[in-house]
Amino acid sequence: MSGEYRAGPWVDQDVQQVRPYVVAGGRSCPRYAMGLDTVLTTRSTDPAADTARIGVLAPETAHALGLCRAGDRSVAEIAATIDQPILVTKTILSDLIDAGALAIAPPTAQPDPDTGRPSPHLLQALLEGLEAHDFAVA
């Protein structure tokens, strides 16, 4: 070798410049238990009131809050959209819950109290929704 440094195939040119733990303020554990399918909703529809109460937000945090303002979002959807790992996203969302900007949405469909299974109405709606899509097998 001539002393010249050459990047090998294991060097990723698209590595994030900011480490995830920096985005989460050095924390690696969210304060609230959330699954990938946990849905979050905004507590206020007034962005100005949120800004006055919370203050200046990091870009990822503002992006996550903006997504939820546009409609309820799952943790997985938020993480994919803000391009952050799930654990970092959950930590960001925990901060927004603590600030009073977000809330974990209650499940929309409750199971049948007698059987513990989903209601027949929910299952029928699911079946109709699946039948409405054309799932072509290639």
Foldseek 3Di string as FASTA:
>chain_A
DPPDDDDDPVDDPPDDPDDLCVLLVNDQAAPDDFDQFFKKAFPDLDPVVLCVQPPDHDPLLVQLLVVRSVHIDGLNVSCVVSVHDSRSSNSSVSVCVVSRGMDGDDDPFAPDPVPRHTDPVVVVVVVVVVVVDDDDDD
